[in-house]
Amino acid sequence: MKFSVFQISRKGGREKNEDRMGYCYTRESGLFVLADGMGGHPEGEVAAQLALQTISALYQKEAKPTVSDVTEFLSTSLMAAHHQIIRYASEKGMLDTPRTTLVAALVQGTSATWVHCGDSRLYVVREGELLTRTRDHSYLEQQSNAGVVRLDLINRNILFTCLGSPTKPVFDVTGPVTLQQGDKILLCSDGLWGSLNDIDIVRHLATQPVSSAVPDLVEAALRNGGEHCDNVTVIALEWETPDSFESTRGISTDSIMDGVFASTIQAGVLDTMVEDLDDAAIERSIAEINEAIRRSAARKT
């Protein structure tokens, strides 16, 4: 595989950066992940970091050097990340759970497949045009697709699902999509698309390499967002054939030996993360949190 990749994350006008992103790859497979920890709940940055660490650890375990069932891997690893967040909150005795959105793309062979939960987005641009993008799990986008939306009545930030919520996450898996030379895939938090429209995002990607487009997009989002701008995080890649690769700065996995795993995702101590990943374990953790909330409410009355 040969691809160019660029990633950047800026705090904007917030007190801290709760976004996390990164990528990892083997000789024949690559995983790109972005999570946006949700404000209004505790430790959003922890939820985002747990999501990235869990998925990358499972990827390292499965990609030898390819993932045998991409759709199953993306679905299972997303639920594993959700479980890790729930378990973290349970072990800490937290009355509210850390929460995060997630978007992850797995590129393998000549195709890409992706999963998303919440409103962190993935865009695919081909030959200067928007080929596709994810649809947010928000009430605004849901009703917009139905053609019945009143923009003045709906807050775009209200999501109906995320990782870490005491309900099972809703998520979508898309693909595989066969890649062509020059295709660009962009993953971003809502700090980017909330300040720039799709036309602007596609225009930047269509006219520049990702190493130039991504910084320009982030700076434009920060300017438009003003002093209270949200965290802005982007990771983008350009798919390249061998003939075009030599003229760009990118990554070639051809020289990587089997069994070698490279990653930009910060490692963490997630003990026994691949154990107890079934729905029953998740429900047990949720029940413990709900019981803690019930006891706290009883004490107050």
Protein backbone atom coordinates (compact mmCIF):
# COMPACT_ATOMS: atom_id res chain seq x y z
CA MET A 1 0.00 0.00 0.00
CA LYS A 2 1.05 3.55 -0.66
CA PHE A 3 -0.69 6.61 0.73
CA SER A 4 -0.04 10.15 1.92
CA VAL A 5 -1.44 11.08 5.32
CA PHE A 6 -1.63 14.22 7.44
CA GLN A 7 -3.20 14.82 10.84
CA ILE A 8 -3.63 17.84 13.11
CA SER A 9 -5.62 18.75 16.22
CA ARG A 10 -6.15 22.23 17.69
CA LYS A 11 -7.74 23.21 20.98
CA GLY A 12 -9.58 26.24 19.59
CA GLY A 13 -11.31 28.37 22.23
CA ARG A 14 -11.96 25.53 24.66
CA GLU A 15 -10.19 24.98 27.98
CA LYS A 16 -8.87 21.60 26.87
CA ASN A 17 -8.73 19.43 23.79
CA GLU A 18 -11.04 16.42 24.10
CA ASP A 19 -10.43 15.20 20.52
CA ARG A 20 -8.11 12.31 19.74
CA MET A 21 -6.94 10.89 16.40
CA GLY A 22 -4.31 8.58 14.97
CA TYR A 23 -3.53 5.82 12.50
CA CYS A 24 -1.77 2.48 12.47
CA TYR A 25 -0.82 0.07 9.73
CA THR A 26 0.73 -3.21 8.74
CA ARG A 27 2.20 -4.19 5.38
CA GLU A 28 -1.23 -4.73 3.82
CA SER A 29 -3.71 -2.84 5.98
CA GLY A 30 -4.25 0.60 7.54
CA LEU A 31 -6.59 1.89 10.24
CA PHE A 32 -7.46 5.58 10.68
CA VAL A 33 -9.42 6.66 13.77
CA LEU A 34 -10.83 9.90 15.20
CA ALA A 35 -12.85 10.44 18.38
CA ASP A 36 -14.41 13.59 19.82
CA GLY A 37 -14.95 13.51 23.58
CA MET A 38 -18.30 15.04 24.41
CA GLY A 39 -18.62 18.16 26.55
CA GLY A 40 -21.32 18.26 29.18
CA HIS A 41 -20.11 14.90 30.51
CA PRO A 42 -17.01 14.17 32.59
CA GLU A 43 -13.63 13.26 31.09
CA GLY A 44 -14.51 13.37 27.42
CA GLU A 45 -10.82 13.21 26.58
CA VAL A 46 -10.56 9.93 28.50
CA ALA A 47 -13.47 8.44 26.53
CA ALA A 48 -11.84 9.47 23.26
CA GLN A 49 -8.45 8.10 24.30
CA LEU A 50 -9.94 4.82 25.51
CA ALA A 51 -11.76 4.43 22.19
CA LEU A 52 -8.56 4.90 20.17
CA GLN A 53 -6.46 2.66 22.38
CA THR A 54 -9.02 -0.13 22.38
CA ILE A 55 -9.53 -0.15 18.63
CA SER A 56 -5.82 0.09 17.83
CA ALA A 57 -4.99 -2.71 20.28
CA LEU A 58 -7.61 -4.98 18.73
CA TYR A 59 -6.33 -4.04 15.27
CA GLN A 60 -2.79 -5.00 16.25
CA LYS A 61 -4.14 -8.32 17.49
CA GLU A 62 -6.18 -9.03 14.34
CA ALA A 63 -4.19 -7.58 11.43
CA LYS A 64 -1.70 -10.36 10.60
CA PRO A 65 -1.12 -8.51 8.26
CA THR A 66 -4.79 -8.13 7.18
CA VAL A 67 -8.09 -8.23 9.03
CA SER A 68 -10.04 -11.27 7.88
CA ASP A 69 -13.53 -9.75 8.24
CA VAL A 70 -13.38 -5.96 8.05
CA THR A 71 -17.05 -5.26 8.75
CA GLU A 72 -17.07 -7.58 11.74
CA PHE A 73 -13.85 -6.07 13.06
CA LEU A 74 -15.17 -2.51 12.88
CA SER A 75 -18.45 -3.44 14.55
CA THR A 76 -16.81 -5.52 17.28
CA SER A 77 -14.05 -3.03 18.04
CA LEU A 78 -16.51 -0.13 18.31
CA MET A 79 -18.54 -2.10 20.86
CA ALA A 80 -15.33 -3.04 22.66
CA ALA A 81 -14.44 0.65 22.92
CA HIS A 82 -17.90 1.37 24.29
CA HIS A 83 -17.45 -1.38 26.86
CA GLN A 84 -14.07 -0.03 27.96
CA ILE A 85 -15.60 3.41 28.63
CA ILE A 86 -18.52 1.92 30.55
CA ARG A 87 -16.15 -0.26 32.57
CA TYR A 88 -13.89 2.72 33.32
CA ALA A 89 -16.87 4.70 34.66
CA SER A 90 -18.06 1.73 36.70
CA GLU A 91 -14.67 1.11 38.27
CA LYS A 92 -14.35 4.81 39.13
CA GLY A 93 -17.85 4.90 40.65
CA MET A 94 -18.81 7.76 38.34
CA LEU A 95 -22.42 8.98 38.41
CA ASP A 96 -22.16 10.07 34.78
CA THR A 97 -20.19 8.31 32.06
CA PRO A 98 -17.52 9.82 29.83
CA ARG A 99 -18.76 9.87 26.25
CA THR A 100 -17.33 10.25 22.76
CA THR A 101 -18.17 10.11 19.11
CA LEU A 102 -16.10 7.90 16.81
CA VAL A 103 -15.27 7.49 13.15
CA ALA A 104 -12.80 4.86 11.91
CA ALA A 105 -11.76 3.77 8.42
CA LEU A 106 -9.96 0.56 7.54
CA VAL A 107 -8.12 0.52 4.24
CA GLN A 108 -7.12 -2.91 2.99
CA GLY A 109 -6.20 -4.17 -0.46
CA THR A 110 -7.72 -1.57 -2.78
CA SER A 111 -10.82 -0.73 -0.76
CA ALA A 112 -11.94 1.24 2.29
CA THR A 113 -14.65 0.47 4.83
CA TRP A 114 -15.63 2.71 7.71
CA VAL A 115 -17.76 2.86 10.84
CA HIS A 116 -19.13 5.90 12.64
CA CYS A 117 -21.14 6.71 15.73
CA GLY A 118 -22.23 10.28 16.46
CA ASP A 119 -21.28 13.34 14.44
CA SER A 120 -17.59 12.93 13.71
CA ARG A 121 -17.54 12.65 9.93
CA LEU A 122 -15.78 10.93 7.07
CA TYR A 123 -15.62 12.47 3.59
CA VAL A 124 -14.47 10.77 0.37
CA VAL A 125 -13.43 13.07 -2.47
CA ARG A 126 -12.79 11.75 -5.97
CA GLU A 127 -11.71 13.80 -8.99
CA GLY A 128 -12.66 17.04 -7.29
CA GLU A 129 -16.15 15.93 -6.28
CA LEU A 130 -17.70 14.68 -3.07
CA LEU A 131 -18.21 10.96 -3.57
CA THR A 132 -19.86 10.37 -0.19
CA ARG A 133 -19.85 11.39 3.45
CA THR A 134 -21.23 9.96 6.66
CA ARG A 135 -24.59 11.10 7.99
CA ASP A 136 -24.54 12.30 11.58
CA HIS A 137 -26.46 10.48 14.26
CA SER A 138 -28.15 13.72 15.26
CA TYR A 139 -31.77 14.79 15.34
CA LEU A 140 -30.94 17.64 12.97
CA GLU A 141 -29.47 15.45 10.24
CA GLN A 142 -32.07 12.73 10.74
CA GLN A 143 -34.94 15.14 10.21
CA SER A 144 -33.11 16.97 7.41
CA ASN A 145 -32.93 13.68 5.51
CA ALA A 146 -36.67 13.28 6.05
CA GLY A 147 -37.31 16.76 4.70
CA VAL A 148 -39.21 17.96 7.78
CA VAL A 149 -36.57 19.93 9.66
CA ARG A 150 -37.03 23.34 11.29
CA LEU A 151 -33.50 24.65 11.74
CA ASP A 152 -34.64 27.16 14.35
CA LEU A 153 -36.01 24.40 16.57
CA ILE A 154 -33.16 21.87 16.55
CA ASN A 155 -29.67 22.20 18.01
CA ARG A 156 -27.16 20.53 15.69
CA ASN A 157 -25.17 19.37 18.73
CA ILE A 158 -27.90 17.08 20.05
CA LEU A 159 -26.95 13.48 19.27
CA PHE A 160 -29.08 10.42 19.81
CA THR A 161 -26.12 8.05 20.22
CA CYS A 162 -22.46 7.95 21.22
CA LEU A 163 -19.93 5.66 22.88
CA GLY A 164 -20.12 5.59 26.66
CA SER A 165 -23.83 6.32 26.95
CA PRO A 166 -25.84 3.95 29.21
CA THR A 167 -27.63 2.68 26.09
CA LYS A 168 -26.26 0.50 23.33
CA PRO A 169 -24.63 2.66 20.63
CA VAL A 170 -26.19 3.08 17.21
CA PHE A 171 -23.57 2.95 14.47
CA ASP A 172 -23.27 2.51 10.72
CA VAL A 173 -20.71 0.52 8.75
CA THR A 174 -20.19 1.60 5.12
CA GLY A 175 -18.26 -0.11 2.36
CA PRO A 176 -16.19 -1.59 1.00
CA VAL A 177 -15.59 1.23 -1.47
CA THR A 178 -12.96 0.50 -4.14
CA LEU A 179 -10.33 3.23 -4.11
CA GLN A 180 -8.90 4.95 -7.16
CA GLN A 181 -5.62 6.81 -7.53
CA GLY A 182 -5.94 10.26 -5.98
CA ASP A 183 -8.98 9.47 -3.83
CA LYS A 184 -8.90 11.44 -0.58
CA ILE A 185 -10.49 10.33 2.68
CA LEU A 186 -10.92 12.88 5.46
CA LEU A 187 -11.99 12.16 9.04
CA CYS A 188 -12.90 15.16 11.20
CA SER A 189 -14.57 16.29 14.40
CA ASP A 190 -17.54 18.66 14.33
CA GLY A 191 -15.18 21.52 15.10
CA LEU A 192 -14.29 21.43 11.41
CA TRP A 193 -17.59 20.84 9.63
CA GLY A 194 -19.45 23.02 12.13
CA SER A 195 -17.47 26.06 10.91
CA LEU A 196 -17.05 25.11 7.23
CA ASN A 197 -19.61 23.80 4.77
CA ASP A 198 -19.14 20.70 2.65
CA ILE A 199 -18.37 22.78 -0.44
CA ASP A 200 -15.40 24.44 1.28
CA ILE A 201 -14.10 21.15 2.63
CA VAL A 202 -14.28 19.46 -0.77
CA ARG A 203 -12.73 22.43 -2.55
CA HIS A 204 -9.66 22.40 -0.33
CA LEU A 205 -9.22 18.65 -0.71
CA ALA A 206 -9.73 18.80 -4.47
CA THR A 207 -7.11 21.45 -5.14
CA GLN A 208 -4.27 20.59 -2.73
CA PRO A 209 -2.37 17.61 -1.37
CA VAL A 210 -3.56 16.55 2.08
CA SER A 211 -0.41 17.98 3.69
CA SER A 212 -1.53 21.45 2.57
CA ALA A 213 -5.31 21.03 2.56
CA VAL A 214 -5.62 19.84 6.16
CA PRO A 215 -3.74 22.75 7.82
CA ASP A 216 -5.62 25.26 5.64
CA LEU A 217 -8.97 23.72 6.55
CA VAL A 218 -8.17 23.75 10.26
CA GLU A 219 -7.04 27.37 10.20
CA ALA A 220 -10.18 28.40 8.29
CA ALA A 221 -12.37 26.59 10.82
CA LEU A 222 -10.61 28.30 13.73
CA ARG A 223 -11.07 31.71 12.12
CA ASN A 224 -14.74 31.13 11.41
CA GLY A 225 -15.34 29.67 14.86
CA GLY A 226 -13.97 32.72 16.62
CA GLU A 227 -12.86 32.92 20.24
CA HIS A 228 -15.26 30.18 21.35
CA CYS A 229 -14.32 27.77 18.57
CA ASP A 230 -14.63 24.07 19.32
CA ASN A 231 -11.66 21.69 19.18
CA VAL A 232 -10.77 21.12 15.52
CA THR A 233 -9.25 17.76 14.58
CA VAL A 234 -8.62 16.26 11.15
CA ILE A 235 -6.83 13.24 9.73
CA ALA A 236 -6.77 12.76 5.96
CA LEU A 237 -5.14 10.40 3.50
CA GLU A 238 -4.64 10.30 -0.24
CA TRP A 239 -4.60 6.95 -1.98
CA GLU A 240 -1.77 6.65 -4.49
CA THR A 241 -0.64 4.15 -7.05
CA PRO A 242 3.06 3.16 -7.24
CA ASP A 243 3.61 5.31 -10.33
CA SER A 244 2.52 8.51 -8.61
CA PHE A 245 3.90 7.80 -5.16
CA GLU A 246 7.50 8.81 -5.81
CA SER A 247 6.51 12.43 -6.47
CA THR A 248 4.88 12.89 -3.05
CA ARG A 249 5.80 12.53 0.59
CA GLY A 250 3.91 9.55 1.84
CA ILE A 251 4.02 6.14 3.42
CA SER A 252 4.90 2.96 1.63
CA THR A 253 4.15 -0.24 3.49
CA ASP A 254 5.77 -2.48 0.87
CA SER A 255 8.99 -2.83 2.84
CA ILE A 256 7.27 -3.70 6.13
CA MET A 257 7.71 -7.32 7.14
CA ASP A 258 4.86 -9.54 8.24
CA GLY A 259 4.14 -9.14 11.92
CA VAL A 260 5.34 -5.53 12.07
CA PHE A 261 2.83 -2.95 13.35
CA ALA A 262 3.30 0.84 13.21
CA SER A 263 1.09 3.33 15.03
CA THR A 264 0.75 7.03 15.91
CA ILE A 265 -1.85 6.20 18.57
CA GLN A 266 -0.58 6.65 22.09
CA ALA A 267 -0.33 3.37 23.94
CA GLY A 268 -2.08 2.91 27.24
CA VAL A 269 -2.62 0.30 29.91
CA LEU A 270 -5.95 -1.33 29.03
CA ASP A 271 -5.72 -4.55 30.98
CA THR A 272 -7.72 -7.53 29.69
CA MET A 273 -9.32 -5.30 27.08
CA VAL A 274 -10.30 -8.20 24.86
CA GLU A 275 -12.06 -10.06 27.65
CA ASP A 276 -15.75 -9.82 28.58
CA LEU A 277 -16.74 -7.89 25.47
CA ASP A 278 -20.20 -9.39 25.13
CA ASP A 279 -23.48 -7.50 25.54
CA ALA A 280 -24.08 -9.09 28.96
CA ALA A 281 -20.87 -7.59 30.34
CA ILE A 282 -21.79 -4.17 28.99
CA GLU A 283 -25.25 -4.43 30.53
CA ARG A 284 -23.75 -5.40 33.88
CA SER A 285 -21.54 -2.32 33.87
CA ILE A 286 -24.49 -0.10 32.92
CA ALA A 287 -26.58 -1.62 35.71
CA GLU A 288 -23.83 -0.83 38.23
CA ILE A 289 -23.74 2.81 37.11
CA ASN A 290 -27.53 3.12 37.24
CA GLU A 291 -27.55 1.63 40.73
CA ALA A 292 -24.95 4.15 41.87
CA ILE A 293 -27.10 6.95 40.48
CA ARG A 294 -30.17 5.53 42.26
CA ARG A 295 -28.34 5.34 45.59
CA SER A 296 -27.05 8.91 45.20
CA ALA A 297 -30.55 10.20 44.45
CA ALA A 298 -31.95 8.32 47.46
CA ARG A 299 -29.39 9.93 49.78
CA LYS A 300 -30.33 13.40 48.56
CA THR A 301 -34.01 12.82 49.37
